[in-house]
Amino acid sequence: MEKFMYVSPYMRITQGYMIGSHVSSYAIDDGGSDSGKDYIIAPYSGTVKQIYPQYENEVFFESDEPVLFADGTVDYATTMFVHQDSPMWYDMAIGKHYNQGEKIYLEGGRYMGKNGV
């Protein structure tokens, strides 16, 4: 059984959950190592289930099997990735499978339908 991994080798939270634009969610913004663009990795083996290219390029990624979470919970996982400049630049598509730890795209800066923000 896979353990849920963090999506980046770096953790620099630029906005936490339940504050600012995340006031009603558990979303976080991670700025990577610096102001450059770092790779985002698959936190578990899974499949891209949906891509919403308008606005923030939301990508929904679902685990193949139940994963072990840090709190001891074992369950299927769905992760929403947001703000990458274009999922299609990285050959991401609905139904595409990634193995845990595989690089899936570079972090981006898409906000309000604009890249590089």
PDB file of N, CA and C in Angstrom:
ATOM      1  N   MET A   1       0.841  -1.170   0.000  1.00  0.00           N
ATOM      2  CA  MET A   1       0.000   0.000   0.000  1.00  0.00           C
ATOM      3  C   MET A   1       0.895   1.246   0.000  1.00  0.00           C
ATOM      4  N   GLU A   2       0.552   2.206  -0.849  1.00  0.00           N
ATOM      5  CA  GLU A   2       1.332   3.439  -0.917  1.00  0.00           C
ATOM      6  C   GLU A   2       0.946   4.395   0.208  1.00  0.00           C
ATOM      7  N   LYS A   3       1.928   5.161   0.656  1.00  0.00           N
ATOM      8  CA  LYS A   3       1.672   6.253   1.589  1.00  0.00           C
ATOM      9  C   LYS A   3       1.482   7.518   0.771  1.00  0.00           C
ATOM     10  N   PHE A   4       0.521   8.337   1.154  1.00  0.00           N
ATOM     11  CA  PHE A   4       0.278   9.599   0.468  1.00  0.00           C
ATOM     12  C   PHE A   4       1.522  10.480   0.612  1.00  0.00           C
ATOM     13  N   MET A   5       2.106  10.891  -0.507  1.00  0.00           N
ATOM     14  CA  MET A   5       3.306  11.738  -0.493  1.00  0.00           C
ATOM     15  C   MET A   5       2.914  13.192  -0.724  1.00  0.00           C
ATOM     16  N   TYR A   6       3.762  14.103  -0.259  1.00  0.00           N
ATOM     17  CA  TYR A   6       3.550  15.513  -0.592  1.00  0.00           C
ATOM     18  C   TYR A   6       3.903  15.705  -2.062  1.00  0.00           C
ATOM     19  N   VAL A   7       3.272  16.662  -2.733  1.00  0.00           N
ATOM     20  CA  VAL A   7       3.379  16.812  -4.187  1.00  0.00           C
ATOM     21  C   VAL A   7       4.631  17.535  -4.656  1.00  0.00           C
ATOM     22  N   SER A   8       5.471  17.939  -3.737  1.00  0.00           N
ATOM     23  CA  SER A   8       6.679  18.674  -4.108  1.00  0.00           C
ATOM     24  C   SER A   8       7.804  18.302  -3.143  1.00  0.00           C
ATOM     25  N   PRO A   9       9.044  18.363  -3.612  1.00  0.00           N
ATOM     26  CA  PRO A   9      10.156  18.136  -2.676  1.00  0.00           C
ATOM     27  C   PRO A   9      10.345  19.326  -1.731  1.00  0.00           C
ATOM     28  N   TYR A  10       9.632  20.421  -1.986  1.00  0.00           N
ATOM     29  CA  TYR A  10       9.732  21.633  -1.170  1.00  0.00           C
ATOM     30  C   TYR A  10       8.372  21.945  -0.556  1.00  0.00           C
ATOM     31  N   MET A  11       8.383  22.572   0.597  1.00  0.00           N
ATOM     32  CA  MET A  11       7.129  23.023   1.187  1.00  0.00           C
ATOM     33  C   MET A  11       7.329  24.469   1.641  1.00  0.00           C
ATOM     34  N   ARG A  12       6.808  25.391   0.848  1.00  0.00           N
ATOM     35  CA  ARG A  12       6.845  26.807   1.199  1.00  0.00           C
ATOM     36  C   ARG A  12       5.418  27.326   1.020  1.00  0.00           C
ATOM     37  N   ILE A  13       4.635  27.200   2.062  1.00  0.00           N
ATOM     38  CA  ILE A  13       3.225  27.563   2.003  1.00  0.00           C
ATOM     39  C   ILE A  13       3.104  29.081   1.889  1.00  0.00           C
ATOM     40  N   THR A  14       2.452  29.521   0.817  1.00  0.00           N
ATOM     41  CA  THR A  14       2.264  30.960   0.610  1.00  0.00           C
ATOM     42  C   THR A  14       0.870  31.420   1.029  1.00  0.00           C
ATOM     43  N   GLN A  15      -0.052  30.486   1.146  1.00  0.00           N
ATOM     44  CA  GLN A  15      -1.373  30.780   1.714  1.00  0.00           C
ATOM     45  C   GLN A  15      -1.933  29.495   2.294  1.00  0.00           C
ATOM     46  N   GLY A  16      -2.311  29.539   3.544  1.00  0.00           N
ATOM     47  CA  GLY A  16      -2.854  28.369   4.219  1.00  0.00           C
ATOM     48  C   GLY A  16      -4.344  28.201   3.992  1.00  0.00           C
ATOM     49  N   TYR A  17      -4.893  27.196   4.645  1.00  0.00           N
ATOM     50  CA  TYR A  17      -6.321  26.937   4.502  1.00  0.00           C
ATOM     51  C   TYR A  17      -7.127  27.776   5.493  1.00  0.00           C
ATOM     52  N   MET A  18      -8.386  27.985   5.133  1.00  0.00           N
ATOM     53  CA  MET A  18      -9.374  28.735   5.931  1.00  0.00           C
ATOM     54  C   MET A  18      -9.028  30.223   6.090  1.00  0.00           C
ATOM     55  N   ILE A  19      -8.165  30.762   5.201  1.00  0.00           N
ATOM     56  CA  ILE A  19      -7.878  32.193   5.231  1.00  0.00           C
ATOM     57  C   ILE A  19      -7.846  32.741   3.805  1.00  0.00           C
ATOM     58  N   GLY A  20      -7.938  34.051   3.663  1.00  0.00           N
ATOM     59  CA  GLY A  20      -7.855  34.693   2.345  1.00  0.00           C
ATOM     60  C   GLY A  20      -8.841  34.106   1.359  1.00  0.00           C
ATOM     61  N   SER A  21      -8.354  33.788   0.171  1.00  0.00           N
ATOM     62  CA  SER A  21      -9.237  33.215  -0.857  1.00  0.00           C
ATOM     63  C   SER A  21      -9.595  31.764  -0.573  1.00  0.00           C
ATOM     64  N   HIS A  22      -9.035  31.174   0.486  1.00  0.00           N
ATOM     65  CA  HIS A  22      -9.331  29.795   0.882  1.00  0.00           C
ATOM     66  C   HIS A  22     -10.247  29.759   2.104  1.00  0.00           C
ATOM     67  N   VAL A  23     -10.990  30.812   2.327  1.00  0.00           N
ATOM     68  CA  VAL A  23     -11.743  30.980   3.576  1.00  0.00           C
ATOM     69  C   VAL A  23     -12.663  29.802   3.912  1.00  0.00           C
ATOM     70  N   SER A  24     -13.173  29.108   2.935  1.00  0.00           N
ATOM     71  CA  SER A  24     -14.084  27.995   3.216  1.00  0.00           C
ATOM     72  C   SER A  24     -13.550  26.664   2.710  1.00  0.00           C
ATOM     73  N   SER A  25     -12.230  26.519   2.677  1.00  0.00           N
ATOM     74  CA  SER A  25     -11.692  25.268   2.147  1.00  0.00           C
ATOM     75  C   SER A  25     -10.391  24.889   2.857  1.00  0.00           C
ATOM     76  N   TYR A  26      -9.968  23.658   2.598  1.00  0.00           N
ATOM     77  CA  TYR A  26      -8.708  23.177   3.125  1.00  0.00           C
ATOM     78  C   TYR A  26      -7.596  23.279   2.077  1.00  0.00           C
ATOM     79  N   ALA A  27      -7.774  24.153   1.098  1.00  0.00           N
ATOM     80  CA  ALA A  27      -6.755  24.360   0.065  1.00  0.00           C
ATOM     81  C   ALA A  27      -5.553  25.092   0.654  1.00  0.00           C
ATOM     82  N   ILE A  28      -4.392  24.808   0.101  1.00  0.00           N
ATOM     83  CA  ILE A  28      -3.177  25.560   0.438  1.00  0.00           C
ATOM     84  C   ILE A  28      -2.499  25.960  -0.864  1.00  0.00           C
ATOM     85  N   ASP A  29      -1.722  27.019  -0.820  1.00  0.00           N
ATOM     86  CA  ASP A  29      -0.878  27.401  -1.947  1.00  0.00           C
ATOM     87  C   ASP A  29       0.565  27.151  -1.529  1.00  0.00           C
ATOM     88  N   ASP A  30       1.301  26.442  -2.379  1.00  0.00           N
ATOM     89  CA  ASP A  30       2.692  26.136  -2.118  1.00  0.00           C
ATOM     90  C   ASP A  30       3.528  26.823  -3.179  1.00  0.00           C
ATOM     91  N   GLY A  31       4.466  27.656  -2.772  1.00  0.00           N
ATOM     92  CA  GLY A  31       5.291  28.406  -3.706  1.00  0.00           C
ATOM     93  C   GLY A  31       6.546  27.687  -4.148  1.00  0.00           C
ATOM     94  N   GLY A  32       6.715  26.439  -3.776  1.00  0.00           N
ATOM     95  CA  GLY A  32       7.917  25.710  -4.168  1.00  0.00           C
ATOM     96  C   GLY A  32       9.153  26.238  -3.470  1.00  0.00           C
ATOM     97  N   SER A  33      10.320  26.020  -4.064  1.00  0.00           N
ATOM     98  CA  SER A  33      11.579  26.380  -3.410  1.00  0.00           C
ATOM     99  C   SER A  33      11.861  27.879  -3.436  1.00  0.00           C
ATOM    100  N   ASP A  34      11.374  28.560  -4.461  1.00  0.00           N
ATOM    101  CA  ASP A  34      11.623  29.997  -4.606  1.00  0.00           C
ATOM    102  C   ASP A  34      10.624  30.552  -5.608  1.00  0.00           C
ATOM    103  N   SER A  35      10.961  31.614  -6.282  1.00  0.00           N
ATOM    104  CA  SER A  35      10.025  32.197  -7.239  1.00  0.00           C
ATOM    105  C   SER A  35      10.091  31.524  -8.608  1.00  0.00           C
ATOM    106  N   GLY A  36      10.931  30.502  -8.765  1.00  0.00           N
ATOM    107  CA  GLY A  36      11.006  29.745 -10.012  1.00  0.00           C
ATOM    108  C   GLY A  36       9.891  28.709 -10.076  1.00  0.00           C
ATOM    109  N   LYS A  37      10.026  27.768 -10.994  1.00  0.00           N
ATOM    110  CA  LYS A  37       9.016  26.733 -11.152  1.00  0.00           C
ATOM    111  C   LYS A  37       9.626  25.372 -10.863  1.00  0.00           C
ATOM    112  N   ASP A  38       9.061  24.688  -9.872  1.00  0.00           N
ATOM    113  CA  ASP A  38       9.508  23.357  -9.478  1.00  0.00           C
ATOM    114  C   ASP A  38       8.540  22.311 -10.008  1.00  0.00           C
ATOM    115  N   TYR A  39       9.038  21.064 -10.117  1.00  0.00           N
ATOM    116  CA  TYR A  39       8.176  19.972 -10.550  1.00  0.00           C
ATOM    117  C   TYR A  39       7.159  19.617  -9.466  1.00  0.00           C
ATOM    118  N   ILE A  40       5.990  19.251  -9.917  1.00  0.00           N
ATOM    119  CA  ILE A  40       4.954  18.684  -9.061  1.00  0.00           C
ATOM    120  C   ILE A  40       4.936  17.189  -9.370  1.00  0.00           C
ATOM    121  N   ILE A  41       4.871  16.366  -8.325  1.00  0.00           N
ATOM    122  CA  ILE A  41       4.903  14.918  -8.518  1.00  0.00           C
ATOM    123  C   ILE A  41       3.576  14.289  -8.117  1.00  0.00           C
ATOM    124  N   ALA A  42       3.317  13.116  -8.652  1.00  0.00           N
ATOM    125  CA  ALA A  42       2.115  12.367  -8.293  1.00  0.00           C
ATOM    126  C   ALA A  42       2.247  11.881  -6.851  1.00  0.00           C
ATOM    127  N   PRO A  43       1.316  12.252  -5.971  1.00  0.00           N
ATOM    128  CA  PRO A  43       1.419  11.854  -4.565  1.00  0.00           C
ATOM    129  C   PRO A  43       1.106  10.382  -4.321  1.00  0.00           C
ATOM    130  N   TYR A  44       0.550   9.727  -5.318  1.00  0.00           N
ATOM    131  CA  TYR A  44       0.202   8.307  -5.279  1.00  0.00           C
ATOM    132  C   TYR A  44      -0.017   7.877  -6.718  1.00  0.00           C
ATOM    133  N   SER A  45      -0.074   6.594  -6.986  1.00  0.00           N
ATOM    134  CA  SER A  45      -0.367   6.117  -8.338  1.00  0.00           C
ATOM    135  C   SER A  45      -1.850   6.347  -8.608  1.00  0.00           C
ATOM    136  N   GLY A  46      -2.128   7.016  -9.719  1.00  0.00           N
ATOM    137  CA  GLY A  46      -3.521   7.330  -9.995  1.00  0.00           C
ATOM    138  C   GLY A  46      -3.740   7.846 -11.401  1.00  0.00           C
ATOM    139  N   THR A  47      -4.954   8.315 -11.620  1.00  0.00           N
ATOM    140  CA  THR A  47      -5.422   8.699 -12.944  1.00  0.00           C
ATOM    141  C   THR A  47      -6.046  10.089 -12.914  1.00  0.00           C
ATOM    142  N   VAL A  48      -5.785  10.860 -13.971  1.00  0.00           N
ATOM    143  CA  VAL A  48      -6.423  12.165 -14.133  1.00  0.00           C
ATOM    144  C   VAL A  48      -7.892  11.918 -14.465  1.00  0.00           C
ATOM    145  N   LYS A  49      -8.785  12.442 -13.639  1.00  0.00           N
ATOM    146  CA  LYS A  49     -10.223  12.217 -13.825  1.00  0.00           C
ATOM    147  C   LYS A  49     -10.927  13.385 -14.499  1.00  0.00           C
ATOM    148  N   GLN A  50     -10.431  14.598 -14.299  1.00  0.00           N
ATOM    149  CA  GLN A  50     -11.092  15.765 -14.888  1.00  0.00           C
ATOM    150  C   GLN A  50     -10.093  16.898 -14.996  1.00  0.00           C
ATOM    151  N   ILE A  51     -10.229  17.691 -16.049  1.00  0.00           N
ATOM    152  CA  ILE A  51      -9.431  18.906 -16.222  1.00  0.00           C
ATOM    153  C   ILE A  51     -10.385  20.030 -16.574  1.00  0.00           C
ATOM    154  N   TYR A  52     -10.318  21.109 -15.817  1.00  0.00           N
ATOM    155  CA  TYR A  52     -11.099  22.306 -16.113  1.00  0.00           C
ATOM    156  C   TYR A  52     -10.116  23.392 -16.538  1.00  0.00           C
ATOM    157  N   PRO A  53      -9.919  23.600 -17.853  1.00  0.00           N
ATOM    158  CA  PRO A  53      -8.881  24.520 -18.328  1.00  0.00           C
ATOM    159  C   PRO A  53      -9.215  26.006 -18.163  1.00  0.00           C
ATOM    160  N   GLN A  54     -10.447  26.339 -17.932  1.00  0.00           N
ATOM    161  CA  GLN A  54     -10.781  27.747 -17.742  1.00  0.00           C
ATOM    162  C   GLN A  54     -10.306  28.216 -16.367  1.00  0.00           C
ATOM    163  N   TYR A  55     -10.084  29.466 -16.213  1.00  0.00           N
ATOM    164  CA  TYR A  55      -9.632  30.082 -14.960  1.00  0.00           C
ATOM    165  C   TYR A  55      -8.322  29.508 -14.447  1.00  0.00           C
ATOM    166  N   GLU A  56      -8.333  28.607 -13.467  1.00  0.00           N
ATOM    167  CA  GLU A  56      -7.115  28.172 -12.779  1.00  0.00           C
ATOM    168  C   GLU A  56      -6.573  26.811 -13.213  1.00  0.00           C
ATOM    169  N   ASN A  57      -7.078  26.222 -14.274  1.00  0.00           N
ATOM    170  CA  ASN A  57      -6.607  24.920 -14.766  1.00  0.00           C
ATOM    171  C   ASN A  57      -6.678  23.833 -13.692  1.00  0.00           C
ATOM    172  N   GLU A  58      -7.855  23.638 -13.131  1.00  0.00           N
ATOM    173  CA  GLU A  58      -8.020  22.616 -12.099  1.00  0.00           C
ATOM    174  C   GLU A  58      -7.896  21.216 -12.706  1.00  0.00           C
ATOM    175  N   VAL A  59      -7.121  20.367 -12.037  1.00  0.00           N
ATOM    176  CA  VAL A  59      -6.944  18.976 -12.441  1.00  0.00           C
ATOM    177  C   VAL A  59      -7.307  18.104 -11.246  1.00  0.00           C
ATOM    178  N   PHE A  60      -8.215  17.143 -11.456  1.00  0.00           N
ATOM    179  CA  PHE A  60      -8.601  16.205 -10.403  1.00  0.00           C
ATOM    180  C   PHE A  60      -7.910  14.876 -10.666  1.00  0.00           C
ATOM    181  N   PHE A  61      -7.175  14.410  -9.658  1.00  0.00           N
ATOM    182  CA  PHE A  61      -6.343  13.215  -9.751  1.00  0.00           C
ATOM    183  C   PHE A  61      -6.797  12.235  -8.674  1.00  0.00           C
ATOM    184  N   GLU A  62      -7.097  11.000  -9.068  1.00  0.00           N
ATOM    185  CA  GLU A  62      -7.680  10.010  -8.154  1.00  0.00           C
ATOM    186  C   GLU A  62      -6.777   8.791  -8.035  1.00  0.00           C
ATOM    187  N   SER A  63      -6.646   8.277  -6.817  1.00  0.00           N
ATOM    188  CA  SER A  63      -5.793   7.107  -6.584  1.00  0.00           C
ATOM    189  C   SER A  63      -6.392   5.841  -7.185  1.00  0.00           C
ATOM    190  N   ASP A  64      -5.511   4.925  -7.596  1.00  0.00           N
ATOM    191  CA  ASP A  64      -5.941   3.627  -8.124  1.00  0.00           C
ATOM    192  C   ASP A  64      -6.462   2.728  -7.016  1.00  0.00           C
ATOM    193  N   GLU A  65      -5.796   2.802  -5.882  1.00  0.00           N
ATOM    194  CA  GLU A  65      -6.089   1.947  -4.735  1.00  0.00           C
ATOM    195  C   GLU A  65      -6.143   2.826  -3.488  1.00  0.00           C
ATOM    196  N   PRO A  66      -6.664   2.311  -2.386  1.00  0.00           N
ATOM    197  CA  PRO A  66      -6.598   3.085  -1.142  1.00  0.00           C
ATOM    198  C   PRO A  66      -5.141   3.381  -0.780  1.00  0.00           C
ATOM    199  N   VAL A  67      -4.912   4.554  -0.187  1.00  0.00           N
ATOM    200  CA  VAL A  67      -3.579   4.968   0.249  1.00  0.00           C
ATOM    201  C   VAL A  67      -3.599   5.211   1.752  1.00  0.00           C
ATOM    202  N   LEU A  68      -2.417   5.196   2.348  1.00  0.00           N
ATOM    203  CA  LEU A  68      -2.289   5.453   3.767  1.00  0.00           C
ATOM    204  C   LEU A  68      -2.011   6.940   3.978  1.00  0.00           C
ATOM    205  N   PHE A  69      -2.885   7.619   4.715  1.00  0.00           N
ATOM    206  CA  PHE A  69      -2.726   9.035   5.031  1.00  0.00           C
ATOM    207  C   PHE A  69      -1.933   9.172   6.332  1.00  0.00           C
ATOM    208  N   ALA A  70      -1.394  10.358   6.577  1.00  0.00           N
ATOM    209  CA  ALA A  70      -0.544  10.613   7.744  1.00  0.00           C
ATOM    210  C   ALA A  70      -1.258  10.344   9.064  1.00  0.00           C
ATOM    211  N   ASP A  71      -2.598  10.515   9.092  1.00  0.00           N
ATOM    212  CA  ASP A  71      -3.343  10.296  10.342  1.00  0.00           C
ATOM    213  C   ASP A  71      -3.734   8.840  10.559  1.00  0.00           C
ATOM    214  N   GLY A  72      -3.264   7.945   9.664  1.00  0.00           N
ATOM    215  CA  GLY A  72      -3.557   6.521   9.795  1.00  0.00           C
ATOM    216  C   GLY A  72      -4.755   6.052   8.998  1.00  0.00           C
ATOM    217  N   THR A  73      -5.504   6.984   8.413  1.00  0.00           N
ATOM    218  CA  THR A  73      -6.654   6.633   7.579  1.00  0.00           C
ATOM    219  C   THR A  73      -6.179   5.916   6.325  1.00  0.00           C
ATOM    220  N   VAL A  74      -6.899   4.891   5.931  1.00  0.00           N
ATOM    221  CA  VAL A  74      -6.647   4.198   4.672  1.00  0.00           C
ATOM    222  C   VAL A  74      -7.900   4.362   3.823  1.00  0.00           C
ATOM    223  N   ASP A  75      -7.751   5.021   2.662  1.00  0.00           N
ATOM    224  CA  ASP A  75      -8.912   5.285   1.809  1.00  0.00           C
ATOM    225  C   ASP A  75      -8.419   5.724   0.434  1.00  0.00           C
ATOM    226  N   TYR A  76      -9.336   5.770  -0.526  1.00  0.00           N
ATOM    227  CA  TYR A  76      -9.019   6.336  -1.831  1.00  0.00           C
ATOM    228  C   TYR A  76      -8.776   7.828  -1.660  1.00  0.00           C
ATOM    229  N   ALA A  77      -7.947   8.401  -2.520  1.00  0.00           N
ATOM    230  CA  ALA A  77      -7.625   9.821  -2.433  1.00  0.00           C
ATOM    231  C   ALA A  77      -7.955  10.515  -3.747  1.00  0.00           C
ATOM    232  N   THR A  78      -8.432  11.732  -3.636  1.00  0.00           N
ATOM    233  CA  THR A  78      -8.595  12.618  -4.786  1.00  0.00           C
ATOM    234  C   THR A  78      -7.896  13.917  -4.446  1.00  0.00           C
ATOM    235  N   THR A  79      -7.025  14.351  -5.330  1.00  0.00           N
ATOM    236  CA  THR A  79      -6.288  15.595  -5.134  1.00  0.00           C
ATOM    237  C   THR A  79      -6.634  16.536  -6.271  1.00  0.00           C
ATOM    238  N   MET A  80      -6.865  17.803  -5.944  1.00  0.00           N
ATOM    239  CA  MET A  80      -7.093  18.809  -6.974  1.00  0.00           C
ATOM    240  C   MET A  80      -5.841  19.667  -7.070  1.00  0.00           C
ATOM    241  N   PHE A  81      -5.233  19.680  -8.248  1.00  0.00           N
ATOM    242  CA  PHE A  81      -4.086  20.538  -8.525  1.00  0.00           C
ATOM    243  C   PHE A  81      -4.621  21.795  -9.216  1.00  0.00           C
ATOM    244  N   VAL A  82      -4.093  22.955  -8.838  1.00  0.00           N
ATOM    245  CA  VAL A  82      -4.611  24.209  -9.374  1.00  0.00           C
ATOM    246  C   VAL A  82      -3.449  25.155  -9.667  1.00  0.00           C
ATOM    247  N   HIS A  83      -3.638  26.047 -10.598  1.00  0.00           N
ATOM    248  CA  HIS A  83      -2.763  27.180 -10.934  1.00  0.00           C
ATOM    249  C   HIS A  83      -1.650  26.883 -11.921  1.00  0.00           C
ATOM    250  N   GLN A  84      -1.487  25.629 -12.392  1.00  0.00           N
ATOM    251  CA  GLN A  84      -0.453  25.403 -13.400  1.00  0.00           C
ATOM    252  C   GLN A  84      -0.836  26.164 -14.666  1.00  0.00           C
ATOM    253  N   ASP A  85       0.179  26.631 -15.407  1.00  0.00           N
ATOM    254  CA  ASP A  85      -0.092  27.460 -16.574  1.00  0.00           C
ATOM    255  C   ASP A  85      -0.886  26.717 -17.644  1.00  0.00           C
ATOM    256  N   SER A  86      -0.579  25.471 -17.926  1.00  0.00           N
ATOM    257  CA  SER A  86      -1.370  24.684 -18.869  1.00  0.00           C
ATOM    258  C   SER A  86      -1.083  23.205 -18.683  1.00  0.00           C
ATOM    259  N   PRO A  87      -2.069  22.440 -18.206  1.00  0.00           N
ATOM    260  CA  PRO A  87      -1.854  20.998 -18.060  1.00  0.00           C
ATOM    261  C   PRO A  87      -1.503  20.323 -19.378  1.00  0.00           C
ATOM    262  N   MET A  88      -2.023  20.834 -20.480  1.00  0.00           N
ATOM    263  CA  MET A  88      -1.798  20.207 -21.770  1.00  0.00           C
ATOM    264  C   MET A  88      -0.351  20.369 -22.237  1.00  0.00           C
ATOM    265  N   TRP A  89       0.371  21.382 -21.750  1.00  0.00           N
ATOM    266  CA  TRP A  89       1.789  21.530 -22.092  1.00  0.00           C
ATOM    267  C   TRP A  89       2.575  20.321 -21.622  1.00  0.00           C
ATOM    268  N   TYR A  90       2.097  19.660 -20.600  1.00  0.00           N
ATOM    269  CA  TYR A  90       2.803  18.527 -20.015  1.00  0.00           C
ATOM    270  C   TYR A  90       2.166  17.209 -20.414  1.00  0.00           C
ATOM    271  N   ASP A  91       1.398  17.235 -21.507  1.00  0.00           N
ATOM    272  CA  ASP A  91       0.760  16.030 -22.042  1.00  0.00           C
ATOM    273  C   ASP A  91      -0.207  15.410 -21.037  1.00  0.00           C
ATOM    274  N   MET A  92      -0.769  16.238 -20.164  1.00  0.00           N
ATOM    275  CA  MET A  92      -1.740  15.760 -19.199  1.00  0.00           C
ATOM    276  C   MET A  92      -3.105  15.678 -19.894  1.00  0.00           C
ATOM    277  N   ALA A  93      -3.818  14.602 -19.673  1.00  0.00           N
ATOM    278  CA  ALA A  93      -5.128  14.413 -20.304  1.00  0.00           C
ATOM    279  C   ALA A  93      -6.004  13.560 -19.402  1.00  0.00           C
ATOM    280  N   ILE A  94      -7.293  13.703 -19.556  1.00  0.00           N
ATOM    281  CA  ILE A  94      -8.230  12.871 -18.802  1.00  0.00           C
ATOM    282  C   ILE A  94      -7.949  11.410 -19.153  1.00  0.00           C
ATOM    283  N   GLY A  95      -7.830  10.585 -18.121  1.00  0.00           N
ATOM    284  CA  GLY A  95      -7.542   9.162 -18.296  1.00  0.00           C
ATOM    285  C   GLY A  95      -6.065   8.822 -18.235  1.00  0.00           C
ATOM    286  N   LYS A  96      -5.187   9.826 -18.229  1.00  0.00           N
ATOM    287  CA  LYS A  96      -3.749   9.541 -18.174  1.00  0.00           C
ATOM    288  C   LYS A  96      -3.370   9.059 -16.780  1.00  0.00           C
ATOM    289  N   HIS A  97      -2.537   8.035 -16.744  1.00  0.00           N
ATOM    290  CA  HIS A  97      -2.102   7.421 -15.491  1.00  0.00           C
ATOM    291  C   HIS A  97      -0.694   7.877 -15.146  1.00  0.00           C
ATOM    292  N   TYR A  98      -0.451   8.109 -13.850  1.00  0.00           N
ATOM    293  CA  TYR A  98       0.878   8.449 -13.343  1.00  0.00           C
ATOM    294  C   TYR A  98       1.192   7.531 -12.169  1.00  0.00           C
ATOM    295  N   ASN A  99       2.449   7.141 -12.061  1.00  0.00           N
ATOM    296  CA  ASN A  99       2.905   6.365 -10.918  1.00  0.00           C
ATOM    297  C   ASN A  99       3.355   7.308  -9.814  1.00  0.00           C
ATOM    298  N   GLN A 100       3.259   6.840  -8.578  1.00  0.00           N
ATOM    299  CA  GLN A 100       3.669   7.651  -7.434  1.00  0.00           C
ATOM    300  C   GLN A 100       5.098   8.152  -7.623  1.00  0.00           C
ATOM    301  N   GLY A 101       5.300   9.453  -7.373  1.00  0.00           N
ATOM    302  CA  GLY A 101       6.615  10.060  -7.472  1.00  0.00           C
ATOM    303  C   GLY A 101       6.987  10.546  -8.858  1.00  0.00           C
ATOM    304  N   GLU A 102       6.191  10.199  -9.863  1.00  0.00           N
ATOM    305  CA  GLU A 102       6.469  10.622 -11.232  1.00  0.00           C
ATOM    306  C   GLU A 102       6.200  12.120 -11.380  1.00  0.00           C
ATOM    307  N   LYS A 103       7.092  12.812 -12.092  1.00  0.00           N
ATOM    308  CA  LYS A 103       6.887  14.238 -12.354  1.00  0.00           C
ATOM    309  C   LYS A 103       5.709  14.390 -13.306  1.00  0.00           C
ATOM    310  N   ILE A 104       4.752  15.263 -12.928  1.00  0.00           N
ATOM    311  CA  ILE A 104       3.574  15.401 -13.778  1.00  0.00           C
ATOM    312  C   ILE A 104       3.451  16.772 -14.438  1.00  0.00           C
ATOM    313  N   TYR A 105       4.032  17.808 -13.863  1.00  0.00           N
ATOM    314  CA  TYR A 105       4.077  19.123 -14.500  1.00  0.00           C
ATOM    315  C   TYR A 105       4.895  20.072 -13.636  1.00  0.00           C
ATOM    316  N   LEU A 106       5.090  21.290 -14.123  1.00  0.00           N
ATOM    317  CA  LEU A 106       5.767  22.337 -13.349  1.00  0.00           C
ATOM    318  C   LEU A 106       4.716  23.211 -12.693  1.00  0.00           C
ATOM    319  N   GLU A 107       5.018  23.656 -11.469  1.00  0.00           N
ATOM    320  CA  GLU A 107       4.085  24.578 -10.829  1.00  0.00           C
ATOM    321  C   GLU A 107       3.930  25.806 -11.718  1.00  0.00           C
ATOM    322  N   GLY A 108       2.792  26.450 -11.585  1.00  0.00           N
ATOM    323  CA  GLY A 108       2.522  27.615 -12.431  1.00  0.00           C
ATOM    324  C   GLY A 108       2.054  28.790 -11.626  1.00  0.00           C
ATOM    325  N   GLY A 109       1.531  29.761 -12.336  1.00  0.00           N
ATOM    326  CA  GLY A 109       1.053  30.970 -11.688  1.00  0.00           C
ATOM    327  C   GLY A 109      -0.231  31.458 -12.310  1.00  0.00           C
ATOM    328  N   ARG A 110      -1.118  30.543 -12.683  1.00  0.00           N
ATOM    329  CA  ARG A 110      -2.370  30.937 -13.335  1.00  0.00           C
ATOM    330  C   ARG A 110      -3.383  31.365 -12.274  1.00  0.00           C
ATOM    331  N   TYR A 111      -3.968  32.536 -12.497  1.00  0.00           N
ATOM    332  CA  TYR A 111      -4.965  33.069 -11.582  1.00  0.00           C
ATOM    333  C   TYR A 111      -5.909  33.973 -12.348  1.00  0.00           C
ATOM    334  N   MET A 112      -7.178  33.825 -12.096  1.00  0.00           N
ATOM    335  CA  MET A 112      -8.209  34.630 -12.748  1.00  0.00           C
ATOM    336  C   MET A 112      -8.103  34.530 -14.283  1.00  0.00           C
ATOM    337  N   GLY A 113      -7.749  33.343 -14.777  1.00  0.00           N
ATOM    338  CA  GLY A 113      -7.677  33.103 -16.209  1.00  0.00           C
ATOM    339  C   GLY A 113      -6.430  33.623 -16.895  1.00  0.00           C
ATOM    340  N   LYS A 114      -5.424  34.076 -16.124  1.00  0.00           N
ATOM    341  CA  LYS A 114      -4.200  34.608 -16.709  1.00  0.00           C
ATOM    342  C   LYS A 114      -2.989  33.837 -16.215  1.00  0.00           C
ATOM    343  N   ASN A 115      -2.035  33.559 -17.102  1.00  0.00           N
ATOM    344  CA  ASN A 115      -0.802  32.872 -16.729  1.00  0.00           C
ATOM    345  C   ASN A 115       0.206  33.849 -16.137  1.00  0.00           C
ATOM    346  N   GLY A 116       1.154  33.331 -15.382  1.00  0.00           N
ATOM    347  CA  GLY A 116       2.271  34.121 -14.892  1.00  0.00           C
ATOM    348  C   GLY A 116       1.954  35.082 -13.765  1.00  0.00           C
ATOM    349  N   VAL A 117       0.854  34.860 -13.070  1.00  0.00           N
ATOM    350  CA  VAL A 117       0.470  35.760 -11.975  1.00  0.00           C
ATOM    351  C   VAL A 117       1.118  35.293 -10.685  1.00  0.00           C
TER     352      VAL A 117
END
